[in-house]
Amino acid sequence: MPTYRCSDGTVRLTADLRVRVLGLALTLMGSTAFGDDQLYIRIYNDTADEIVVTVYDMNAGAPRPVLARQVIDGFAWLTTSVTPSIGSDGRVRWIAQTIAGAFHRCGYGESGGLRSNAMVKVYTDSRCVRISPRP
């Protein structure tokens, strides 16, 4: 047994056991907290129109774009990767707008709980609103 009892009655771990416990903890933490693995998801254009879409990875330290102003044809998709959370699921926020046509449309949304090969449907179902900078 790699422990010993001191004269005051306390139990101490030997250096060998401490190293093993530390190694196991780092191995377990490295597989979940550091997020070396990526989740691959599909961003699906759920409209007949050609759209421009930007998708943000919300699990990254600071939200970062994983697709920036990418064109997706009607009823087509693109594959991208996102950072998994400690629970191994992805979370994204997206913004989309139609490219051409007399009726310019926009859409936005957020999807969470994404697993590998999940499909995120993006669409343009709203009027676009111009946001002016504050004076």
Protein backbone atom coordinates (compact mmCIF):
# COMPACT_ATOMS: atom_id res chain seq x y z
CA MET A 1 0.00 0.00 0.00
CA PRO A 2 1.54 3.36 -1.00
CA THR A 3 0.39 5.19 2.16
CA TYR A 4 1.85 5.38 5.62
CA ARG A 5 0.58 6.47 9.01
CA CYS A 6 2.42 9.26 10.81
CA SER A 7 3.09 9.27 14.56
CA ASP A 8 0.26 11.82 15.02
CA GLY A 9 -2.25 9.40 13.44
CA THR A 10 -2.60 11.10 10.05
CA VAL A 11 -2.32 9.12 6.83
CA ARG A 12 0.02 10.40 4.13
CA LEU A 13 0.31 9.46 0.48
CA THR A 14 3.63 8.50 -0.96
CA ALA A 15 5.00 10.52 -3.87
CA ASP A 16 4.27 7.65 -6.29
CA LEU A 17 0.54 7.63 -5.52
CA ARG A 18 0.36 11.43 -5.67
CA VAL A 19 1.87 11.39 -9.15
CA ARG A 20 -0.59 8.72 -10.30
CA VAL A 21 -3.60 10.61 -8.95
CA LEU A 22 -2.38 13.86 -10.52
CA GLY A 23 -1.79 12.10 -13.87
CA LEU A 24 -5.29 10.61 -13.85
CA ALA A 25 -6.86 13.97 -13.00
CA LEU A 26 -4.98 15.73 -15.82
CA THR A 27 -5.94 13.01 -18.30
CA LEU A 28 -9.62 13.27 -17.44
CA MET A 29 -9.58 17.07 -17.42
CA GLY A 30 -7.72 17.24 -20.74
CA SER A 31 -10.33 15.17 -22.54
CA THR A 32 -13.23 17.42 -21.55
CA ALA A 33 -12.21 20.87 -20.41
CA PHE A 34 -9.61 21.71 -23.04
CA GLY A 35 -11.89 20.80 -25.96
CA ASP A 36 -9.24 19.33 -28.26
CA ASP A 37 -12.00 17.59 -30.17
CA GLN A 38 -14.25 19.47 -32.54
CA LEU A 39 -17.90 18.82 -33.35
CA TYR A 40 -18.73 18.85 -37.04
CA ILE A 41 -22.16 20.28 -37.78
CA ARG A 42 -24.09 21.11 -40.95
CA ILE A 43 -25.54 24.56 -41.58
CA TYR A 44 -28.61 23.96 -43.77
CA ASN A 45 -30.32 26.67 -45.86
CA ASP A 46 -33.99 25.87 -45.26
CA THR A 47 -35.18 28.21 -48.04
CA ALA A 48 -35.22 28.16 -51.83
CA ASP A 49 -33.28 31.45 -51.97
CA GLU A 50 -29.53 31.87 -52.03
CA ILE A 51 -28.46 33.32 -48.68
CA VAL A 52 -25.39 34.75 -46.96
CA VAL A 53 -24.86 33.36 -43.46
CA THR A 54 -22.51 34.05 -40.55
CA VAL A 55 -22.30 31.47 -37.75
CA TYR A 56 -20.69 32.11 -34.34
CA ASP A 57 -19.30 29.41 -32.02
CA MET A 58 -20.72 30.35 -28.62
CA ASN A 59 -18.62 27.77 -26.71
CA ALA A 60 -15.34 29.36 -27.74
CA GLY A 61 -13.74 31.56 -25.05
CA ALA A 62 -15.15 34.62 -26.81
CA PRO A 63 -17.79 34.01 -29.50
CA ARG A 64 -15.94 33.64 -32.80
CA PRO A 65 -17.22 33.19 -36.35
CA VAL A 66 -16.85 29.68 -37.77
CA LEU A 67 -18.53 30.77 -41.02
CA ALA A 68 -18.25 34.41 -42.06
CA ARG A 69 -20.55 35.68 -44.84
CA GLN A 70 -20.67 32.32 -46.59
CA VAL A 71 -23.06 31.89 -49.50
CA ILE A 72 -25.35 28.85 -49.33
CA ASP A 73 -27.58 27.92 -52.27
CA GLY A 74 -31.23 27.09 -51.68
CA PHE A 75 -31.81 23.81 -49.80
CA ALA A 76 -28.05 23.15 -49.56
CA TRP A 77 -25.68 22.97 -46.60
CA LEU A 78 -22.11 23.64 -45.51
CA THR A 79 -20.14 21.71 -42.91
CA THR A 80 -18.19 23.48 -40.17
CA SER A 81 -16.69 22.62 -36.81
CA VAL A 82 -17.45 24.10 -33.39
CA THR A 83 -15.99 23.76 -29.92
CA PRO A 84 -17.79 21.28 -27.64
CA SER A 85 -18.69 22.27 -24.09
CA ILE A 86 -17.71 20.17 -21.09
CA GLY A 87 -20.93 18.21 -21.71
CA SER A 88 -19.72 17.57 -25.31
CA ASP A 89 -22.39 19.61 -27.04
CA GLY A 90 -22.10 22.63 -29.31
CA ARG A 91 -23.88 25.98 -29.30
CA VAL A 92 -24.06 28.42 -32.20
CA ARG A 93 -25.70 31.73 -33.05
CA TRP A 94 -26.38 32.61 -36.70
CA ILE A 95 -27.43 35.53 -38.89
CA ALA A 96 -28.65 35.12 -42.48
CA GLN A 97 -29.94 37.31 -45.30
CA THR A 98 -31.08 36.75 -48.86
CA ILE A 99 -28.73 37.85 -51.62
CA ALA A 100 -31.01 38.84 -54.45
CA GLY A 101 -34.64 39.39 -55.16
CA ALA A 102 -37.19 42.12 -54.79
CA PHE A 103 -38.05 41.02 -51.24
CA HIS A 104 -34.87 41.22 -49.15
CA ARG A 105 -35.32 38.98 -46.08
CA CYS A 106 -33.24 38.32 -42.94
CA GLY A 107 -33.17 35.79 -40.15
CA TYR A 108 -31.28 34.98 -37.00
CA GLY A 109 -31.30 32.33 -34.33
CA GLU A 110 -29.44 30.25 -31.79
CA SER A 111 -29.10 26.48 -31.49
CA GLY A 112 -27.73 24.59 -28.52
CA GLY A 113 -27.28 20.98 -27.46
CA LEU A 114 -25.67 20.17 -30.81
CA ARG A 115 -23.99 16.81 -31.23
CA SER A 116 -21.68 15.61 -33.98
CA ASN A 117 -23.31 15.75 -37.46
CA ALA A 118 -26.20 17.86 -36.16
CA MET A 119 -28.06 19.96 -38.72
CA VAL A 120 -28.75 23.62 -37.93
CA LYS A 121 -31.53 25.02 -40.13
CA VAL A 122 -31.07 28.66 -41.06
CA TYR A 123 -33.78 30.69 -42.77
CA THR A 124 -34.77 34.22 -43.70
CA ASP A 125 -38.31 34.74 -42.43
CA SER A 126 -38.20 38.37 -41.26
CA ARG A 127 -37.97 41.87 -42.64
CA CYS A 128 -34.46 43.28 -42.48
CA VAL A 129 -34.08 46.19 -40.10
CA ARG A 130 -31.46 48.86 -40.62
CA ILE A 131 -29.61 49.64 -37.43
CA SER A 132 -28.05 53.07 -37.35
CA PRO A 133 -25.11 53.87 -35.09
CA ARG A 134 -25.79 55.95 -32.02
CA PRO A 135 -24.66 59.59 -32.16
